[in-house]
Amino acid sequence: MLTTLKVAITRPQQQGLQLQQALDKVGISSMCQPLFSYRLNTDKNKIMGQVESLQPTIVIFISTAAVEFANEALPLKEWLDENQQIIAVGEKTLQALATLDIQATCPEIHNSEGMLALPQLSSSLLMRTTKNILIVRGESGREFLAEQLSLRGAQVEYLESYQREWLTLSHEQTALWHPKNINTIVITSNDLLQRVVDLIDITDNYWQNTCLWLVVSERIAQSAQKMGLKNVVNSCGANNQSIITTLLNMES
């Protein structure tokens, strides 16, 4: 067990600094090392064309970035209506929608499995009535959710409101993680996991067998284990509280 955690946060700058500040408050040391940022990936015409074509009865937002960039391209109030069911993947996404005066629901467990457990996304309901579902996301992600909803009888499309841009980070920069005593890496997606693995030498016994890899879902945990990473822990949620609670449990 790691008795003193030193965490590398690989999220984008804003979210990473928020997590860093939250960790500092509970006495966990961390460094913010963003590996990617976001940029707008849609516009008003694309959104209106897709909405008019699909006529979604359910709209799912998978992150605060999905909300913010979709709203930047075209204010959500201009294309969402009160007859639609709006679903947020988690509390922060729910809050981002509430800030824009849009009411939504979110699952108790903030992941795809949690959303699939919602009554409004149940197989019995989706197969009984026509449900067109729009998933607002980045350029990838939530394929499992879309696949399962399609199997349940829904017509599903993605609205890709933002795009991930990988930042240039050299092997020399990540080599500094050793002397800085980094022993925990926070991973929030399979793409991010692959990026970190590409940057560091996971055949190094330390990264492979000693370092704690904190992931936010079971699917990412399985990917990490297939890569040969031995010390993988699932926080079962990408929100700061889930990550912090998991880390505190590791220290206790």
C-alpha atoms as a PDB file:
ATOM      1  CA  MET A   1       0.000   0.000   0.000  1.00  0.00           C
ATOM      2  CA  LEU A   2       1.219   3.519  -0.777  1.00  0.00           C
ATOM      3  CA  THR A   3       1.457   5.423   2.500  1.00  0.00           C
ATOM      4  CA  THR A   4       2.215   8.861   1.051  1.00  0.00           C
ATOM      5  CA  LEU A   5       0.519   9.684  -2.223  1.00  0.00           C
ATOM      6  CA  LYS A   6       2.009  11.998  -4.842  1.00  0.00           C
ATOM      7  CA  VAL A   7      -0.524  12.305  -7.625  1.00  0.00           C
ATOM      8  CA  ALA A   8      -0.067  13.221 -11.297  1.00  0.00           C
ATOM      9  CA  ILE A   9      -3.254  14.809 -12.639  1.00  0.00           C
ATOM     10  CA  THR A  10      -3.491  14.522 -16.412  1.00  0.00           C
ATOM     11  CA  ARG A  11      -6.779  16.363 -16.946  1.00  0.00           C
ATOM     12  CA  PRO A  12      -7.054  19.649 -18.888  1.00  0.00           C
ATOM     13  CA  GLN A  13      -5.716  22.694 -17.051  1.00  0.00           C
ATOM     14  CA  GLN A  14      -8.955  24.019 -15.520  1.00  0.00           C
ATOM     15  CA  GLN A  15     -10.307  20.682 -14.305  1.00  0.00           C
ATOM     16  CA  GLY A  16      -6.832  19.593 -13.248  1.00  0.00           C
ATOM     17  CA  LEU A  17      -6.274  22.660 -11.067  1.00  0.00           C
ATOM     18  CA  GLN A  18      -9.698  22.180  -9.460  1.00  0.00           C
ATOM     19  CA  LEU A  19      -8.796  18.612  -8.513  1.00  0.00           C
ATOM     20  CA  GLN A  20      -5.344  19.723  -7.342  1.00  0.00           C
ATOM     21  CA  GLN A  21      -6.885  22.320  -5.024  1.00  0.00           C
ATOM     22  CA  ALA A  22      -9.378  19.790  -3.672  1.00  0.00           C
ATOM     23  CA  LEU A  23      -6.593  17.273  -3.006  1.00  0.00           C
ATOM     24  CA  ASP A  24      -4.526  19.918  -1.255  1.00  0.00           C
ATOM     25  CA  LYS A  25      -7.411  20.571   1.149  1.00  0.00           C
ATOM     26  CA  VAL A  26      -7.351  16.934   2.308  1.00  0.00           C
ATOM     27  CA  GLY A  27      -3.566  16.813   2.530  1.00  0.00           C
ATOM     28  CA  ILE A  28      -2.776  14.855  -0.641  1.00  0.00           C
ATOM     29  CA  SER A  29       0.172  16.148  -2.654  1.00  0.00           C
ATOM     30  CA  SER A  30      -0.288  16.416  -6.420  1.00  0.00           C
ATOM     31  CA  MET A  31       1.013  18.009  -9.585  1.00  0.00           C
ATOM     32  CA  CYS A  32      -1.106  19.183 -12.504  1.00  0.00           C
ATOM     33  CA  GLN A  33       0.304  17.894 -15.806  1.00  0.00           C
ATOM     34  CA  PRO A  34      -2.346  18.437 -18.523  1.00  0.00           C
ATOM     35  CA  LEU A  35      -1.966  16.151 -21.510  1.00  0.00           C
ATOM     36  CA  PHE A  36      -4.749  17.647 -23.605  1.00  0.00           C
ATOM     37  CA  SER A  37      -7.068  20.616 -24.038  1.00  0.00           C
ATOM     38  CA  TYR A  38     -10.403  21.140 -25.789  1.00  0.00           C
ATOM     39  CA  ARG A  39     -11.569  23.180 -28.762  1.00  0.00           C
ATOM     40  CA  LEU A  40     -14.955  23.821 -30.363  1.00  0.00           C
ATOM     41  CA  ASN A  41     -15.933  21.199 -32.941  1.00  0.00           C
ATOM     42  CA  THR A  42     -19.374  22.227 -34.184  1.00  0.00           C
ATOM     43  CA  ASP A  43     -21.425  25.249 -35.217  1.00  0.00           C
ATOM     44  CA  LYS A  44     -24.982  26.550 -35.285  1.00  0.00           C
ATOM     45  CA  ASN A  45     -25.841  25.072 -38.683  1.00  0.00           C
ATOM     46  CA  LYS A  46     -24.562  21.594 -37.793  1.00  0.00           C
ATOM     47  CA  ILE A  47     -26.513  21.534 -34.550  1.00  0.00           C
ATOM     48  CA  MET A  48     -29.772  22.768 -36.064  1.00  0.00           C
ATOM     49  CA  GLY A  49     -29.468  20.398 -39.029  1.00  0.00           C
ATOM     50  CA  GLN A  50     -28.930  17.407 -36.766  1.00  0.00           C
ATOM     51  CA  VAL A  51     -31.688  18.350 -34.345  1.00  0.00           C
ATOM     52  CA  GLU A  52     -34.201  18.921 -37.144  1.00  0.00           C
ATOM     53  CA  SER A  53     -33.265  15.611 -38.770  1.00  0.00           C
ATOM     54  CA  LEU A  54     -33.217  13.419 -35.660  1.00  0.00           C
ATOM     55  CA  GLN A  55     -35.844  15.252 -33.587  1.00  0.00           C
ATOM     56  CA  PRO A  56     -34.458  13.798 -30.357  1.00  0.00           C
ATOM     57  CA  THR A  57     -36.789  13.004 -27.499  1.00  0.00           C
ATOM     58  CA  ILE A  58     -33.848  12.420 -25.133  1.00  0.00           C
ATOM     59  CA  VAL A  59     -30.615  14.427 -25.021  1.00  0.00           C
ATOM     60  CA  ILE A  60     -27.659  13.148 -22.994  1.00  0.00           C
ATOM     61  CA  PHE A  61     -24.716  15.366 -22.032  1.00  0.00           C
ATOM     62  CA  ILE A  62     -21.611  13.397 -21.120  1.00  0.00           C
ATOM     63  CA  SER A  63     -19.467  16.178 -19.571  1.00  0.00           C
ATOM     64  CA  THR A  64     -19.359  19.824 -18.607  1.00  0.00           C
ATOM     65  CA  ALA A  65     -17.254  20.410 -21.728  1.00  0.00           C
ATOM     66  CA  ALA A  66     -20.059  18.928 -23.837  1.00  0.00           C
ATOM     67  CA  VAL A  67     -22.472  21.417 -22.293  1.00  0.00           C
ATOM     68  CA  GLU A  68     -20.188  24.438 -22.527  1.00  0.00           C
ATOM     69  CA  PHE A  69     -19.042  23.936 -26.117  1.00  0.00           C
ATOM     70  CA  ALA A  70     -22.501  23.059 -27.426  1.00  0.00           C
ATOM     71  CA  ASN A  71     -23.828  26.197 -25.754  1.00  0.00           C
ATOM     72  CA  GLU A  72     -20.968  28.246 -27.235  1.00  0.00           C
ATOM     73  CA  ALA A  73     -21.859  27.074 -30.736  1.00  0.00           C
ATOM     74  CA  LEU A  74     -25.581  27.665 -30.228  1.00  0.00           C
ATOM     75  CA  PRO A  75     -27.261  28.548 -26.911  1.00  0.00           C
ATOM     76  CA  LEU A  76     -28.911  25.387 -25.611  1.00  0.00           C
ATOM     77  CA  LYS A  77     -32.155  27.239 -24.952  1.00  0.00           C
ATOM     78  CA  GLU A  78     -32.494  27.750 -28.696  1.00  0.00           C
ATOM     79  CA  TRP A  79     -32.590  24.060 -29.564  1.00  0.00           C
ATOM     80  CA  LEU A  80     -33.641  22.165 -26.450  1.00  0.00           C
ATOM     81  CA  ASP A  81     -37.299  22.172 -25.493  1.00  0.00           C
ATOM     82  CA  GLU A  82     -39.351  21.298 -22.423  1.00  0.00           C
ATOM     83  CA  ASN A  83     -40.737  18.130 -24.018  1.00  0.00           C
ATOM     84  CA  GLN A  84     -37.301  16.545 -24.213  1.00  0.00           C
ATOM     85  CA  GLN A  85     -35.782  14.511 -21.408  1.00  0.00           C
ATOM     86  CA  ILE A  86     -32.357  15.924 -20.592  1.00  0.00           C
ATOM     87  CA  ILE A  87     -29.849  13.639 -18.880  1.00  0.00           C
ATOM     88  CA  ALA A  88     -26.466  14.606 -17.405  1.00  0.00           C
ATOM     89  CA  VAL A  89     -23.824  11.976 -16.724  1.00  0.00           C
ATOM     90  CA  GLY A  90     -22.940  13.453 -13.320  1.00  0.00           C
ATOM     91  CA  GLU A  91     -23.379  16.250 -10.797  1.00  0.00           C
ATOM     92  CA  LYS A  92     -20.961  18.722 -12.415  1.00  0.00           C
ATOM     93  CA  THR A  93     -22.639  18.298 -15.797  1.00  0.00           C
ATOM     94  CA  LEU A  94     -26.002  18.705 -14.070  1.00  0.00           C
ATOM     95  CA  GLN A  95     -24.755  21.939 -12.484  1.00  0.00           C
ATOM     96  CA  ALA A  96     -23.454  23.211 -15.819  1.00  0.00           C
ATOM     97  CA  LEU A  97     -26.930  22.723 -17.301  1.00  0.00           C
ATOM     98  CA  ALA A  98     -28.615  24.300 -14.278  1.00  0.00           C
ATOM     99  CA  THR A  99     -26.408  27.379 -14.726  1.00  0.00           C
ATOM    100  CA  LEU A 100     -28.005  27.725 -18.161  1.00  0.00           C
ATOM    101  CA  ASP A 101     -31.462  27.278 -16.587  1.00  0.00           C
ATOM    102  CA  ILE A 102     -31.917  23.802 -18.046  1.00  0.00           C
ATOM    103  CA  GLN A 103     -33.394  21.100 -15.845  1.00  0.00           C
ATOM    104  CA  ALA A 104     -31.927  17.629 -16.171  1.00  0.00           C
ATOM    105  CA  THR A 105     -31.605  14.368 -14.299  1.00  0.00           C
ATOM    106  CA  CYS A 106     -28.500  12.346 -13.587  1.00  0.00           C
ATOM    107  CA  PRO A 107     -27.899   8.784 -12.394  1.00  0.00           C
ATOM    108  CA  GLU A 108     -26.713   7.852  -8.918  1.00  0.00           C
ATOM    109  CA  ILE A 109     -23.637   6.219 -10.456  1.00  0.00           C
ATOM    110  CA  HIS A 110     -21.943   8.689 -12.793  1.00  0.00           C
ATOM    111  CA  ASN A 111     -21.004   6.476 -15.726  1.00  0.00           C
ATOM    112  CA  SER A 112     -22.566   4.674 -18.692  1.00  0.00           C
ATOM    113  CA  GLU A 113     -23.812   1.818 -16.524  1.00  0.00           C
ATOM    114  CA  GLY A 114     -25.478   4.315 -14.214  1.00  0.00           C
ATOM    115  CA  MET A 115     -27.224   6.017 -17.113  1.00  0.00           C
ATOM    116  CA  LEU A 116     -28.383   2.696 -18.539  1.00  0.00           C
ATOM    117  CA  ALA A 117     -30.019   1.955 -15.176  1.00  0.00           C
ATOM    118  CA  LEU A 118     -32.245   5.062 -15.423  1.00  0.00           C
ATOM    119  CA  PRO A 119     -35.971   4.207 -15.874  1.00  0.00           C
ATOM    120  CA  GLN A 120     -36.285   6.509 -18.895  1.00  0.00           C
ATOM    121  CA  LEU A 121     -33.587   4.508 -20.685  1.00  0.00           C
ATOM    122  CA  SER A 122     -34.934   1.062 -19.809  1.00  0.00           C
ATOM    123  CA  SER A 123     -35.353  -1.583 -22.491  1.00  0.00           C
ATOM    124  CA  SER A 124     -39.091  -1.881 -21.858  1.00  0.00           C
ATOM    125  CA  LEU A 125     -39.658   1.834 -22.384  1.00  0.00           C
ATOM    126  CA  LEU A 126     -37.361   2.297 -25.376  1.00  0.00           C
ATOM    127  CA  MET A 127     -38.798  -0.721 -27.190  1.00  0.00           C
ATOM    128  CA  ARG A 128     -42.376   0.318 -26.482  1.00  0.00           C
ATOM    129  CA  THR A 129     -42.113   3.873 -27.801  1.00  0.00           C
ATOM    130  CA  THR A 130     -40.095   5.647 -30.471  1.00  0.00           C
ATOM    131  CA  LYS A 131     -37.084   7.218 -28.822  1.00  0.00           C
ATOM    132  CA  ASN A 132     -34.517   9.238 -30.717  1.00  0.00           C
ATOM    133  CA  ILE A 133     -31.510   9.946 -28.526  1.00  0.00           C
ATOM    134  CA  LEU A 134     -28.822  12.569 -29.058  1.00  0.00           C
ATOM    135  CA  ILE A 135     -25.576  12.102 -27.113  1.00  0.00           C
ATOM    136  CA  VAL A 136     -23.606  15.343 -26.806  1.00  0.00           C
ATOM    137  CA  ARG A 137     -19.918  14.499 -26.403  1.00  0.00           C
ATOM    138  CA  GLY A 138     -16.432  15.137 -27.799  1.00  0.00           C
ATOM    139  CA  GLU A 139     -15.038  13.452 -30.898  1.00  0.00           C
ATOM    140  CA  SER A 140     -15.132  10.044 -29.208  1.00  0.00           C
ATOM    141  CA  GLY A 141     -16.423   8.284 -26.118  1.00  0.00           C
ATOM    142  CA  ARG A 142     -19.561   6.618 -24.789  1.00  0.00           C
ATOM    143  CA  GLU A 143     -19.639   4.041 -27.575  1.00  0.00           C
ATOM    144  CA  PHE A 144     -20.783   1.412 -25.064  1.00  0.00           C
ATOM    145  CA  LEU A 145     -23.702   3.625 -24.009  1.00  0.00           C
ATOM    146  CA  ALA A 146     -24.772   4.240 -27.608  1.00  0.00           C
ATOM    147  CA  GLU A 147     -24.447   0.552 -28.465  1.00  0.00           C
ATOM    148  CA  GLN A 148     -26.609  -0.524 -25.545  1.00  0.00           C
ATOM    149  CA  LEU A 149     -29.258   2.102 -26.243  1.00  0.00           C
ATOM    150  CA  SER A 150     -29.410   0.984 -29.878  1.00  0.00           C
ATOM    151  CA  LEU A 151     -29.860  -2.621 -28.752  1.00  0.00           C
ATOM    152  CA  ARG A 152     -32.761  -1.416 -26.630  1.00  0.00           C
ATOM    153  CA  GLY A 153     -34.489  -0.031 -29.697  1.00  0.00           C
ATOM    154  CA  ALA A 154     -33.463   3.620 -29.726  1.00  0.00           C
ATOM    155  CA  GLN A 155     -32.124   5.566 -32.674  1.00  0.00           C
ATOM    156  CA  VAL A 156     -28.902   7.142 -31.418  1.00  0.00           C
ATOM    157  CA  GLU A 157     -26.724   9.881 -32.854  1.00  0.00           C
ATOM    158  CA  TYR A 158     -23.739  11.847 -31.521  1.00  0.00           C
ATOM    159  CA  LEU A 159     -23.396  15.604 -31.465  1.00  0.00           C
ATOM    160  CA  GLU A 160     -19.653  16.180 -31.173  1.00  0.00           C
ATOM    161  CA  SER A 161     -19.453  19.640 -29.640  1.00  0.00           C
ATOM    162  CA  TYR A 162     -15.746  19.643 -28.848  1.00  0.00           C
ATOM    163  CA  GLN A 163     -12.510  18.001 -29.867  1.00  0.00           C
ATOM    164  CA  ARG A 164      -9.555  16.908 -27.786  1.00  0.00           C
ATOM    165  CA  GLU A 165      -6.189  18.394 -28.689  1.00  0.00           C
ATOM    166  CA  TRP A 166      -3.177  16.545 -27.345  1.00  0.00           C
ATOM    167  CA  LEU A 167      -0.529  18.799 -25.890  1.00  0.00           C
ATOM    168  CA  THR A 168       3.116  18.315 -26.821  1.00  0.00           C
ATOM    169  CA  LEU A 169       4.832  16.578 -23.926  1.00  0.00           C
ATOM    170  CA  SER A 170       8.267  15.063 -24.231  1.00  0.00           C
ATOM    171  CA  HIS A 171       9.565  11.845 -22.716  1.00  0.00           C
ATOM    172  CA  GLU A 172      12.002  14.063 -20.802  1.00  0.00           C
ATOM    173  CA  GLN A 173       9.103  15.853 -19.083  1.00  0.00           C
ATOM    174  CA  THR A 174       7.463  12.633 -17.951  1.00  0.00           C
ATOM    175  CA  ALA A 175      10.881  11.332 -16.926  1.00  0.00           C
ATOM    176  CA  LEU A 176      10.732  13.978 -14.196  1.00  0.00           C
ATOM    177  CA  TRP A 177       7.848  12.092 -12.587  1.00  0.00           C
ATOM    178  CA  HIS A 178      10.394   9.713 -11.022  1.00  0.00           C
ATOM    179  CA  PRO A 179      12.497  12.333  -9.188  1.00  0.00           C
ATOM    180  CA  LYS A 180       9.303  14.141  -8.184  1.00  0.00           C
ATOM    181  CA  ASN A 181       8.199  10.885  -6.496  1.00  0.00           C
ATOM    182  CA  ILE A 182       4.980  10.547  -8.492  1.00  0.00           C
ATOM    183  CA  ASN A 183       3.369   7.298  -7.357  1.00  0.00           C
ATOM    184  CA  THR A 184      -0.237   7.785  -8.494  1.00  0.00           C
ATOM    185  CA  ILE A 185      -1.605   8.692 -11.943  1.00  0.00           C
ATOM    186  CA  VAL A 186      -5.230   9.733 -12.498  1.00  0.00           C
ATOM    187  CA  ILE A 187      -6.665   8.387 -15.772  1.00  0.00           C
ATOM    188  CA  THR A 188     -10.128   9.420 -16.963  1.00  0.00           C
ATOM    189  CA  SER A 189     -10.399   7.744 -20.388  1.00  0.00           C
ATOM    190  CA  ASN A 190      -8.954   4.915 -22.455  1.00  0.00           C
ATOM    191  CA  ASP A 191      -7.468   7.449 -24.885  1.00  0.00           C
ATOM    192  CA  LEU A 192      -5.705   9.170 -22.007  1.00  0.00           C
ATOM    193  CA  LEU A 193      -4.450   5.849 -20.680  1.00  0.00           C
ATOM    194  CA  GLN A 194      -2.906   5.040 -24.058  1.00  0.00           C
ATOM    195  CA  ARG A 195      -1.345   8.505 -24.262  1.00  0.00           C
ATOM    196  CA  VAL A 196       0.342   8.157 -20.864  1.00  0.00           C
ATOM    197  CA  VAL A 197       1.525   4.647 -21.689  1.00  0.00           C
ATOM    198  CA  ASP A 198       3.028   5.978 -24.933  1.00  0.00           C
ATOM    199  CA  LEU A 199       4.901   8.666 -22.996  1.00  0.00           C
ATOM    200  CA  ILE A 200       6.383   6.587 -20.203  1.00  0.00           C
ATOM    201  CA  ASP A 201       8.147   3.253 -20.195  1.00  0.00           C
ATOM    202  CA  ILE A 202       5.619   0.907 -18.578  1.00  0.00           C
ATOM    203  CA  THR A 203       8.098  -1.949 -18.847  1.00  0.00           C
ATOM    204  CA  ASP A 204       9.824  -0.078 -16.022  1.00  0.00           C
ATOM    205  CA  ASN A 205       9.068  -2.201 -12.953  1.00  0.00           C
ATOM    206  CA  TYR A 206       8.079   0.902 -10.966  1.00  0.00           C
ATOM    207  CA  TRP A 207       5.349   2.119 -13.350  1.00  0.00           C
ATOM    208  CA  GLN A 208       4.116  -1.385 -14.065  1.00  0.00           C
ATOM    209  CA  ASN A 209       4.060  -2.900 -10.591  1.00  0.00           C
ATOM    210  CA  THR A 210       4.298  -0.156  -7.953  1.00  0.00           C
ATOM    211  CA  CYS A 211       2.662   3.010  -9.259  1.00  0.00           C
ATOM    212  CA  LEU A 212      -1.053   3.330  -8.495  1.00  0.00           C
ATOM    213  CA  TRP A 213      -3.169   3.854 -11.605  1.00  0.00           C
ATOM    214  CA  LEU A 214      -6.456   5.419 -10.529  1.00  0.00           C
ATOM    215  CA  VAL A 215      -9.064   4.979 -13.269  1.00  0.00           C
ATOM    216  CA  VAL A 216     -12.696   6.070 -13.304  1.00  0.00           C
ATOM    217  CA  SER A 217     -14.517   3.090 -14.829  1.00  0.00           C
ATOM    218  CA  GLU A 218     -14.361  -0.671 -15.063  1.00  0.00           C
ATOM    219  CA  ARG A 219     -13.678  -0.578 -18.806  1.00  0.00           C
ATOM    220  CA  ILE A 220     -10.591   1.597 -18.296  1.00  0.00           C
ATOM    221  CA  ALA A 221      -9.488  -0.702 -15.463  1.00  0.00           C
ATOM    222  CA  GLN A 222      -9.715  -3.703 -17.795  1.00  0.00           C
ATOM    223  CA  SER A 223      -7.688  -1.871 -20.456  1.00  0.00           C
ATOM    224  CA  ALA A 224      -5.000  -0.993 -17.912  1.00  0.00           C
ATOM    225  CA  GLN A 225      -4.778  -4.567 -16.691  1.00  0.00           C
ATOM    226  CA  LYS A 226      -4.457  -5.851 -20.262  1.00  0.00           C
ATOM    227  CA  MET A 227      -1.481  -3.506 -20.670  1.00  0.00           C
ATOM    228  CA  GLY A 228       0.202  -5.253 -17.759  1.00  0.00           C
ATOM    229  CA  LEU A 229      -0.380  -2.583 -15.110  1.00  0.00           C
ATOM    230  CA  LYS A 230      -0.699  -4.322 -11.753  1.00  0.00           C
ATOM    231  CA  ASN A 231      -1.813  -1.637  -9.295  1.00  0.00           C
ATOM    232  CA  VAL A 232      -5.107  -0.431 -10.775  1.00  0.00           C
ATOM    233  CA  VAL A 233      -7.901   1.060  -8.665  1.00  0.00           C
ATOM    234  CA  ASN A 234     -11.343   2.079  -9.943  1.00  0.00           C
ATOM    235  CA  SER A 235     -12.906   5.193  -8.395  1.00  0.00           C
ATOM    236  CA  CYS A 236     -16.219   4.325 -10.140  1.00  0.00           C
ATOM    237  CA  GLY A 237     -16.681   7.954 -11.119  1.00  0.00           C
ATOM    238  CA  ALA A 238     -14.741  10.817 -12.704  1.00  0.00           C
ATOM    239  CA  ASN A 239     -15.967  13.514 -10.326  1.00  0.00           C
ATOM    240  CA  ASN A 240     -13.511  14.987  -7.839  1.00  0.00           C
ATOM    241  CA  GLN A 241     -15.252  13.540  -4.789  1.00  0.00           C
ATOM    242  CA  SER A 242     -15.096   9.956  -6.096  1.00  0.00           C
ATOM    243  CA  ILE A 243     -11.395  10.358  -6.886  1.00  0.00           C
ATOM    244  CA  ILE A 244     -10.591  11.960  -3.524  1.00  0.00           C
ATOM    245  CA  THR A 245     -12.549   9.369  -1.540  1.00  0.00           C
ATOM    246  CA  THR A 246     -10.740   6.552  -3.345  1.00  0.00           C
ATOM    247  CA  LEU A 247      -7.335   8.129  -2.700  1.00  0.00           C
ATOM    248  CA  LEU A 248      -8.106   8.714   0.986  1.00  0.00           C
ATOM    249  CA  ASN A 249      -9.087   5.053   1.293  1.00  0.00           C
ATOM    250  CA  MET A 250      -5.737   4.092  -0.234  1.00  0.00           C
ATOM    251  CA  GLU A 251      -3.895   6.105   2.398  1.00  0.00           C
ATOM    252  CA  SER A 252      -5.885   4.757   5.349  1.00  0.00           C
END
